[in-house]
Amino acid sequence: TALTTADLTTLIGTPNPPTPSDNAAG
C-alpha cells in the first residue's frame, strides 16, 4: 500500500520484488 510501481520506478529505477518484514515498530 505505500508506493506504486510507478512511484518506485521514478524514485529508484526498476525495483526488485519488495522484501516484507516485521519488526518491533511494525
PDB file of all heavy atoms in Angstrom:
ATOM      1  N   THR A   1       0.775  -1.241   0.000  1.00  0.00           N
ATOM      2  CA  THR A   1       0.000   0.000   0.000  1.00  0.00           C
ATOM      3  C   THR A   1       0.808   1.294   0.000  1.00  0.00           C
ATOM      4  O   THR A   1       0.245   2.362  -0.260  1.00  0.00           O
ATOM      5  CB  THR A   1      -0.935   0.036   1.219  1.00  0.00           C
ATOM      6  OG1 THR A   1      -0.150  -0.054   2.416  1.00  0.00           O
ATOM      7  CG2 THR A   1      -1.946  -1.104   1.180  1.00  0.00           C
ATOM      8  N   ALA A   2       2.094   1.255   0.304  1.00  0.00           N
ATOM      9  CA  ALA A   2       2.844   2.504   0.488  1.00  0.00           C
ATOM     10  C   ALA A   2       3.219   3.190  -0.823  1.00  0.00           C
ATOM     11  O   ALA A   2       3.078   4.411  -0.942  1.00  0.00           O
ATOM     12  CB  ALA A   2       4.102   2.242   1.313  1.00  0.00           C
ATOM     13  N   LEU A   3       3.724   2.435  -1.779  1.00  0.00           N
ATOM     14  CA  LEU A   3       4.203   3.014  -3.033  1.00  0.00           C
ATOM     15  C   LEU A   3       3.713   2.195  -4.221  1.00  0.00           C
ATOM     16  O   LEU A   3       3.645   0.969  -4.142  1.00  0.00           O
ATOM     17  CB  LEU A   3       5.741   3.055  -3.056  1.00  0.00           C
ATOM     18  CG  LEU A   3       6.398   3.952  -2.006  1.00  0.00           C
ATOM     19  CD1 LEU A   3       7.884   3.669  -1.919  1.00  0.00           C
ATOM     20  CD2 LEU A   3       6.142   5.420  -2.327  1.00  0.00           C
ATOM     21  N   THR A   4       3.427   2.886  -5.307  1.00  0.00           N
ATOM     22  CA  THR A   4       3.041   2.190  -6.533  1.00  0.00           C
ATOM     23  C   THR A   4       4.298   1.819  -7.308  1.00  0.00           C
ATOM     24  O   THR A   4       5.393   2.344  -7.045  1.00  0.00           O
ATOM     25  CB  THR A   4       2.164   3.089  -7.423  1.00  0.00           C
ATOM     26  OG1 THR A   4       2.969   4.201  -7.875  1.00  0.00           O
ATOM     27  CG2 THR A   4       0.929   3.588  -6.677  1.00  0.00           C
ATOM     28  N   THR A   5       4.145   0.930  -8.269  1.00  0.00           N
ATOM     29  CA  THR A   5       5.273   0.577  -9.139  1.00  0.00           C
ATOM     30  C   THR A   5       5.794   1.817  -9.846  1.00  0.00           C
ATOM     31  O   THR A   5       7.009   2.001  -9.994  1.00  0.00           O
ATOM     32  CB  THR A   5       4.858  -0.504 -10.156  1.00  0.00           C
ATOM     33  OG1 THR A   5       4.403  -1.645  -9.427  1.00  0.00           O
ATOM     34  CG2 THR A   5       6.011  -0.911 -11.048  1.00  0.00           C
ATOM     35  N   ALA A   6       4.896   2.700 -10.266  1.00  0.00           N
ATOM     36  CA  ALA A   6       5.313   3.948 -10.919  1.00  0.00           C
ATOM     37  C   ALA A   6       6.124   4.820  -9.960  1.00  0.00           C
ATOM     38  O   ALA A   6       7.137   5.417 -10.362  1.00  0.00           O
ATOM     39  CB  ALA A   6       4.095   4.705 -11.431  1.00  0.00           C
ATOM     40  N   ASP A   7       5.675   4.900  -8.688  1.00  0.00           N
ATOM     41  CA  ASP A   7       6.445   5.659  -7.688  1.00  0.00           C
ATOM     42  C   ASP A   7       7.854   5.105  -7.572  1.00  0.00           C
ATOM     43  O   ASP A   7       8.842   5.851  -7.599  1.00  0.00           O
ATOM     44  CB  ASP A   7       5.793   5.565  -6.301  1.00  0.00           C
ATOM     45  CG  ASP A   7       4.463   6.276  -6.183  1.00  0.00           C
ATOM     46  OD1 ASP A   7       4.226   7.258  -6.910  1.00  0.00           O
ATOM     47  OD2 ASP A   7       3.655   5.833  -5.332  1.00  0.00           O
ATOM     48  N   LEU A   8       7.948   3.794  -7.416  1.00  0.00           N
ATOM     49  CA  LEU A   8       9.248   3.152  -7.230  1.00  0.00           C
ATOM     50  C   LEU A   8      10.157   3.365  -8.427  1.00  0.00           C
ATOM     51  O   LEU A   8      11.345   3.680  -8.273  1.00  0.00           O
ATOM     52  CB  LEU A   8       9.066   1.655  -6.958  1.00  0.00           C
ATOM     53  CG  LEU A   8       8.419   1.333  -5.614  1.00  0.00           C
ATOM     54  CD1 LEU A   8       7.932  -0.101  -5.593  1.00  0.00           C
ATOM     55  CD2 LEU A   8       9.397   1.602  -4.483  1.00  0.00           C
ATOM     56  N   THR A   9       9.617   3.213  -9.616  1.00  0.00           N
ATOM     57  CA  THR A   9      10.418   3.387 -10.831  1.00  0.00           C
ATOM     58  C   THR A   9      10.938   4.819 -10.924  1.00  0.00           C
ATOM     59  O   THR A   9      12.098   5.041 -11.277  1.00  0.00           O
ATOM     60  CB  THR A   9       9.591   3.016 -12.070  1.00  0.00           C
ATOM     61  OG1 THR A   9       9.177   1.652 -11.932  1.00  0.00           O
ATOM     62  CG2 THR A   9      10.400   3.159 -13.343  1.00  0.00           C
ATOM     63  N   THR A  10      10.099   5.777 -10.568  1.00  0.00           N
ATOM     64  CA  THR A  10      10.526   7.177 -10.581  1.00  0.00           C
ATOM     65  C   THR A  10      11.605   7.437  -9.542  1.00  0.00           C
ATOM     66  O   THR A  10      12.570   8.151  -9.807  1.00  0.00           O
ATOM     67  CB  THR A  10       9.317   8.102 -10.301  1.00  0.00           C
ATOM     68  OG1 THR A  10       8.353   7.916 -11.331  1.00  0.00           O
ATOM     69  CG2 THR A  10       9.732   9.563 -10.243  1.00  0.00           C
ATOM     70  N   LEU A  11      11.468   6.848  -8.372  1.00  0.00           N
ATOM     71  CA  LEU A  11      12.365   7.140  -7.255  1.00  0.00           C
ATOM     72  C   LEU A  11      13.684   6.380  -7.295  1.00  0.00           C
ATOM     73  O   LEU A  11      14.737   6.947  -6.984  1.00  0.00           O
ATOM     74  CB  LEU A  11      11.651   6.850  -5.931  1.00  0.00           C
ATOM     75  CG  LEU A  11      10.434   7.740  -5.656  1.00  0.00           C
ATOM     76  CD1 LEU A  11       9.614   7.173  -4.508  1.00  0.00           C
ATOM     77  CD2 LEU A  11      10.881   9.164  -5.349  1.00  0.00           C
ATOM     78  N   ILE A  12      13.653   5.088  -7.642  1.00  0.00           N
ATOM     79  CA  ILE A  12      14.886   4.290  -7.580  1.00  0.00           C
ATOM     80  C   ILE A  12      15.190   3.530  -8.873  1.00  0.00           C
ATOM     81  O   ILE A  12      16.146   2.767  -8.930  1.00  0.00           O
ATOM     82  CB  ILE A  12      14.874   3.290  -6.406  1.00  0.00           C
ATOM     83  CG1 ILE A  12      13.764   2.242  -6.550  1.00  0.00           C
ATOM     84  CG2 ILE A  12      14.799   4.017  -5.080  1.00  0.00           C
ATOM     85  CD1 ILE A  12      13.846   1.105  -5.539  1.00  0.00           C
ATOM     86  N   GLY A  13      14.374   3.701  -9.907  1.00  0.00           N
ATOM     87  CA  GLY A  13      14.550   2.918 -11.123  1.00  0.00           C
ATOM     88  C   GLY A  13      13.780   1.613 -10.988  1.00  0.00           C
ATOM     89  O   GLY A  13      12.972   1.438 -10.083  1.00  0.00           O
ATOM     90  N   THR A  14      14.026   0.702 -11.881  1.00  0.00           N
ATOM     91  CA  THR A  14      13.315  -0.575 -11.854  1.00  0.00           C
ATOM     92  C   THR A  14      13.624  -1.307 -10.550  1.00  0.00           C
ATOM     93  O   THR A  14      14.785  -1.582 -10.251  1.00  0.00           O
ATOM     94  CB  THR A  14      13.718  -1.452 -13.054  1.00  0.00           C
ATOM     95  OG1 THR A  14      13.460  -0.723 -14.250  1.00  0.00           O
ATOM     96  CG2 THR A  14      12.952  -2.759 -13.054  1.00  0.00           C
ATOM     97  N   PRO A  15      12.575  -1.609  -9.753  1.00  0.00           N
ATOM     98  CA  PRO A  15      12.825  -2.254  -8.463  1.00  0.00           C
ATOM     99  C   PRO A  15      12.828  -3.777  -8.545  1.00  0.00           C
ATOM    100  O   PRO A  15      12.175  -4.363  -9.401  1.00  0.00           O
ATOM    101  CB  PRO A  15      11.637  -1.787  -7.623  1.00  0.00           C
ATOM    102  CG  PRO A  15      10.524  -1.656  -8.614  1.00  0.00           C
ATOM    103  CD  PRO A  15      11.177  -1.201  -9.906  1.00  0.00           C
ATOM    104  N   ASN A  16      13.575  -4.393  -7.633  1.00  0.00           N
ATOM    105  CA  ASN A  16      13.432  -5.825  -7.388  1.00  0.00           C
ATOM    106  C   ASN A  16      12.099  -6.029  -6.685  1.00  0.00           C
ATOM    107  O   ASN A  16      11.515  -5.076  -6.167  1.00  0.00           O
ATOM    108  CB  ASN A  16      14.558  -6.333  -6.485  1.00  0.00           C
ATOM    109  CG  ASN A  16      15.832  -6.594  -7.238  1.00  0.00           C
ATOM    110  OD1 ASN A  16      15.815  -7.012  -8.377  1.00  0.00           O
ATOM    111  ND2 ASN A  16      16.955  -6.326  -6.588  1.00  0.00           N
ATOM    112  N   PRO A  17      11.612  -7.281  -6.598  1.00  0.00           N
ATOM    113  CA  PRO A  17      10.401  -7.515  -5.796  1.00  0.00           C
ATOM    114  C   PRO A  17      10.631  -7.025  -4.363  1.00  0.00           C
ATOM    115  O   PRO A  17      11.744  -7.098  -3.833  1.00  0.00           O
ATOM    116  CB  PRO A  17      10.234  -9.041  -5.832  1.00  0.00           C
ATOM    117  CG  PRO A  17      10.927  -9.459  -7.084  1.00  0.00           C
ATOM    118  CD  PRO A  17      12.089  -8.509  -7.237  1.00  0.00           C
ATOM    119  N   PRO A  18       9.594  -6.518  -3.720  1.00  0.00           N
ATOM    120  CA  PRO A  18       9.753  -5.990  -2.364  1.00  0.00           C
ATOM    121  C   PRO A  18      10.092  -7.083  -1.360  1.00  0.00           C
ATOM    122  O   PRO A  18       9.770  -8.252  -1.558  1.00  0.00           O
ATOM    123  CB  PRO A  18       8.391  -5.380  -2.058  1.00  0.00           C
ATOM    124  CG  PRO A  18       7.437  -6.098  -2.939  1.00  0.00           C
ATOM    125  CD  PRO A  18       8.199  -6.456  -4.187  1.00  0.00           C
ATOM    126  N   THR A  19      10.739  -6.665  -0.283  1.00  0.00           N
ATOM    127  CA  THR A  19      11.080  -7.570   0.813  1.00  0.00           C
ATOM    128  C   THR A  19      10.296  -7.149   2.052  1.00  0.00           C
ATOM    129  O   THR A  19      10.638  -6.163   2.703  1.00  0.00           O
ATOM    130  CB  THR A  19      12.594  -7.516   1.110  1.00  0.00           C
ATOM    131  OG1 THR A  19      13.307  -7.778  -0.083  1.00  0.00           O
ATOM    132  CG2 THR A  19      12.967  -8.508   2.191  1.00  0.00           C
ATOM    133  N   PRO A  20       9.222  -7.879   2.370  1.00  0.00           N
ATOM    134  CA  PRO A  20       8.449  -7.539   3.572  1.00  0.00           C
ATOM    135  C   PRO A  20       9.105  -8.114   4.816  1.00  0.00           C
ATOM    136  O   PRO A  20       9.778  -9.143   4.769  1.00  0.00           O
ATOM    137  CB  PRO A  20       7.096  -8.200   3.316  1.00  0.00           C
ATOM    138  CG  PRO A  20       7.411  -9.352   2.425  1.00  0.00           C
ATOM    139  CD  PRO A  20       8.613  -8.948   1.599  1.00  0.00           C
ATOM    140  N   SER A  21       8.922  -7.421   5.922  1.00  0.00           N
ATOM    141  CA  SER A  21       9.390  -7.932   7.218  1.00  0.00           C
ATOM    142  C   SER A  21       8.523  -7.302   8.300  1.00  0.00           C
ATOM    143  O   SER A  21       7.683  -6.447   8.030  1.00  0.00           O
ATOM    144  CB  SER A  21      10.871  -7.607   7.433  1.00  0.00           C
ATOM    145  OG  SER A  21      11.097  -6.217   7.420  1.00  0.00           O
ATOM    146  N   ASP A  22       8.750  -7.735   9.517  1.00  0.00           N
ATOM    147  CA  ASP A  22       8.017  -7.205  10.660  1.00  0.00           C
ATOM    148  C   ASP A  22       9.038  -6.972  11.761  1.00  0.00           C
ATOM    149  O   ASP A  22       9.872  -7.836  12.024  1.00  0.00           O
ATOM    150  CB  ASP A  22       6.943  -8.202  11.103  1.00  0.00           C
ATOM    151  CG  ASP A  22       5.884  -7.571  11.978  1.00  0.00           C
ATOM    152  OD1 ASP A  22       5.544  -6.388  11.750  1.00  0.00           O
ATOM    153  OD2 ASP A  22       5.397  -8.245  12.890  1.00  0.00           O
ATOM    154  N   ASN A  23       9.015  -5.793  12.359  1.00  0.00           N
ATOM    155  CA  ASN A  23       9.957  -5.528  13.441  1.00  0.00           C
ATOM    156  C   ASN A  23       9.202  -4.984  14.649  1.00  0.00           C
ATOM    157  O   ASN A  23       7.982  -4.952  14.655  1.00  0.00           O
ATOM    158  CB  ASN A  23      11.079  -4.592  12.968  1.00  0.00           C
ATOM    159  CG  ASN A  23      10.570  -3.237  12.511  1.00  0.00           C
ATOM    160  OD1 ASN A  23       9.656  -2.675  13.101  1.00  0.00           O
ATOM    161  ND2 ASN A  23      11.160  -2.711  11.456  1.00  0.00           N
ATOM    162  N   ALA A  24       9.930  -4.546  15.653  1.00  0.00           N
ATOM    163  CA  ALA A  24       9.302  -4.097  16.893  1.00  0.00           C
ATOM    164  C   ALA A  24       8.405  -2.883  16.685  1.00  0.00           C
ATOM    165  O   ALA A  24       7.475  -2.657  17.454  1.00  0.00           O
ATOM    166  CB  ALA A  24      10.373  -3.781  17.930  1.00  0.00           C
ATOM    167  N   ALA A  25       8.667  -2.095  15.649  1.00  0.00           N
ATOM    168  CA  ALA A  25       7.857  -0.907  15.395  1.00  0.00           C
ATOM    169  C   ALA A  25       6.594  -1.232  14.605  1.00  0.00           C
ATOM    170  O   ALA A  25       5.575  -0.576  14.751  1.00  0.00           O
ATOM    171  CB  ALA A  25       8.673   0.137  14.645  1.00  0.00           C
ATOM    172  N   GLY A  26       6.679  -2.254  13.741  1.00  0.00           N
ATOM    173  CA  GLY A  26       5.535  -2.608  12.907  1.00  0.00           C
ATOM    174  C   GLY A  26       5.980  -3.213  11.590  1.00  0.00           C
ATOM    175  O   GLY A  26       7.149  -3.516  11.395  1.00  0.00           O
TER     176      GLY A  26
END
